[in-house]
């Protein structure tokens, strides 16, 4: 029935601060849609951003997100890039289980405390 995720919504305190973080740290593409809403595009997916109370249909809280994003970069390169951007690692690299099998992951927080996991499938990293 379901083929893939189209978008995920993160609730943040400051949308432009989050846009800056995800563009700078994870090299996502900033997008404006639907009368000024903000999002971050990567591959065939996007992260929509909202402030607390902007969407009354959900019960989101600032900083309650937990994302796992797949990279083709070697994790050593990801960790070096995070360090260069001043983003401290919480954990990793560690072995985890992804949707398609084993992955290696590093963890850090975005400015709102959302947990971000960047992972690579063994053999998929481009040198």
Protein backbone atom coordinates (compact mmCIF):
# COMPACT_ATOMS: atom_id res chain seq x y z
CA UNK A 1 0.00 0.00 0.00
CA UNK A 2 2.73 2.53 0.94
CA UNK A 3 5.74 3.00 -1.34
CA UNK A 4 7.85 5.67 0.40
CA UNK A 5 7.92 8.77 2.60
CA UNK A 6 7.19 12.03 0.81
CA UNK A 7 7.83 14.46 3.66
CA UNK A 8 8.19 14.71 7.41
CA UNK A 9 7.25 17.75 9.48
CA UNK A 10 9.48 19.06 12.26
CA UNK A 11 8.18 21.49 14.86
CA UNK A 12 10.82 24.13 15.58
CA UNK A 13 11.12 27.33 17.60
CA UNK A 14 12.64 29.42 14.80
CA UNK A 15 12.05 28.35 11.20
CA UNK A 16 14.83 30.42 9.61
CA UNK A 17 17.37 29.21 12.20
CA UNK A 18 16.40 25.63 11.30
CA UNK A 19 16.61 26.36 7.55
CA UNK A 20 20.12 27.73 8.09
CA UNK A 21 21.16 24.66 10.14
CA UNK A 22 19.88 22.05 7.68
CA UNK A 23 21.30 23.91 4.66
CA UNK A 24 24.69 24.51 6.29
CA UNK A 25 25.12 21.22 8.17
CA UNK A 26 23.31 18.71 5.95
CA UNK A 27 23.44 20.57 2.62
CA UNK A 28 19.69 20.38 2.05
CA UNK A 29 18.00 22.71 -0.42
CA UNK A 30 15.72 25.40 1.08
CA UNK A 31 12.21 25.53 -0.38
CA UNK A 32 9.31 27.95 0.06
CA UNK A 33 5.81 26.66 -0.70
CA UNK A 34 2.10 27.15 0.05
CA UNK A 35 2.06 30.86 0.77
CA UNK A 36 5.38 31.15 2.57
CA UNK A 37 5.79 27.80 4.35
CA UNK A 38 9.40 26.62 4.55
CA UNK A 39 10.91 23.21 3.87
CA UNK A 40 14.19 21.50 3.11
CA UNK A 41 14.48 19.25 0.07
CA UNK A 42 16.90 16.35 -0.29
CA UNK A 43 16.62 13.62 -2.92
CA UNK A 44 12.91 12.92 -3.51
CA UNK A 45 11.89 13.89 0.01
CA UNK A 46 11.58 17.01 2.11
CA UNK A 47 11.35 18.19 5.69
CA UNK A 48 8.56 20.68 6.22
CA UNK A 49 9.04 23.09 9.12
CA UNK A 50 6.36 24.46 11.40
CA UNK A 51 6.26 26.41 14.63
CA UNK A 52 4.44 25.19 17.73
CA UNK A 53 0.69 25.55 17.24
CA UNK A 54 0.92 26.25 13.50
CA UNK A 55 -0.72 22.91 12.70
CA UNK A 56 -3.60 22.23 15.11
CA UNK A 57 -4.23 18.71 13.79
CA UNK A 58 -1.13 17.25 15.41
CA UNK A 59 0.27 17.17 18.92
CA UNK A 60 3.87 18.01 18.09
CA UNK A 61 6.35 19.55 20.46
CA UNK A 62 9.48 21.53 19.66
CA UNK A 63 12.46 19.20 19.65
CA UNK A 64 10.50 15.93 19.68
CA UNK A 65 11.65 14.78 16.21
CA UNK A 66 13.94 11.82 15.60
CA UNK A 67 15.24 11.43 12.02
CA UNK A 68 17.46 8.89 10.34
CA UNK A 69 18.96 10.21 7.11
CA UNK A 70 21.01 8.10 4.71
CA UNK A 71 24.24 9.40 3.20
CA UNK A 72 26.59 8.15 0.53
CA UNK A 73 29.49 9.94 2.20
CA UNK A 74 31.89 7.87 4.31
CA UNK A 75 31.03 8.46 7.97
CA UNK A 76 34.54 9.84 8.58
CA UNK A 77 33.74 12.61 6.07
CA UNK A 78 30.35 13.25 7.72
CA UNK A 79 32.01 13.50 11.14
CA UNK A 80 34.68 15.88 9.80
CA UNK A 81 32.00 18.07 8.19
CA UNK A 82 29.94 18.13 11.42
CA UNK A 83 33.05 19.10 13.41
CA UNK A 84 33.83 21.88 10.90
CA UNK A 85 30.28 23.18 11.38
CA UNK A 86 30.62 23.11 15.18
CA UNK A 87 28.05 20.33 15.61
CA UNK A 88 28.97 18.00 18.49
CA UNK A 89 28.35 14.28 18.11
CA UNK A 90 26.18 12.58 20.71
CA UNK A 91 27.11 9.07 19.64
CA UNK A 92 28.83 7.16 16.89
CA UNK A 93 29.80 5.71 14.73
CA UNK A 94 27.67 2.78 15.91
CA UNK A 95 26.12 -0.22 14.18
CA UNK A 96 22.33 0.00 13.86
CA UNK A 97 19.52 -1.58 11.88
CA UNK A 98 18.09 0.39 8.96
CA UNK A 99 15.03 -0.19 6.82
CA UNK A 100 17.09 -2.16 4.28
CA UNK A 101 19.58 -3.85 6.61
CA UNK A 102 22.59 -3.00 8.76
CA UNK A 103 23.77 0.63 8.85
CA UNK A 104 26.49 2.63 10.58
CA UNK A 105 25.29 5.81 12.24
CA UNK A 106 26.30 9.01 13.96
CA UNK A 107 23.92 11.06 16.12
CA UNK A 108 23.63 14.77 16.89
CA UNK A 109 20.97 17.35 17.75
CA UNK A 110 19.61 20.17 15.62
CA UNK A 111 19.18 23.63 17.24
CA UNK A 112 15.82 22.60 18.73
CA UNK A 113 17.04 19.32 20.18
CA UNK A 114 15.57 17.09 17.46
CA UNK A 115 17.69 13.94 17.24
CA UNK A 116 19.36 13.54 13.85
CA UNK A 117 20.95 10.24 12.84
CA UNK A 118 23.08 10.20 9.70
CA UNK A 119 23.73 6.68 8.47
CA UNK A 120 25.44 4.80 5.68
CA UNK A 121 24.76 1.32 4.38
CA UNK A 122 27.99 -0.72 4.22
CA UNK A 123 29.47 -0.59 0.72
CA UNK A 124 27.31 2.39 -0.27
CA UNK A 125 29.72 5.17 0.73
CA UNK A 126 31.29 7.00 -2.20
CA UNK A 127 34.92 7.73 -1.56
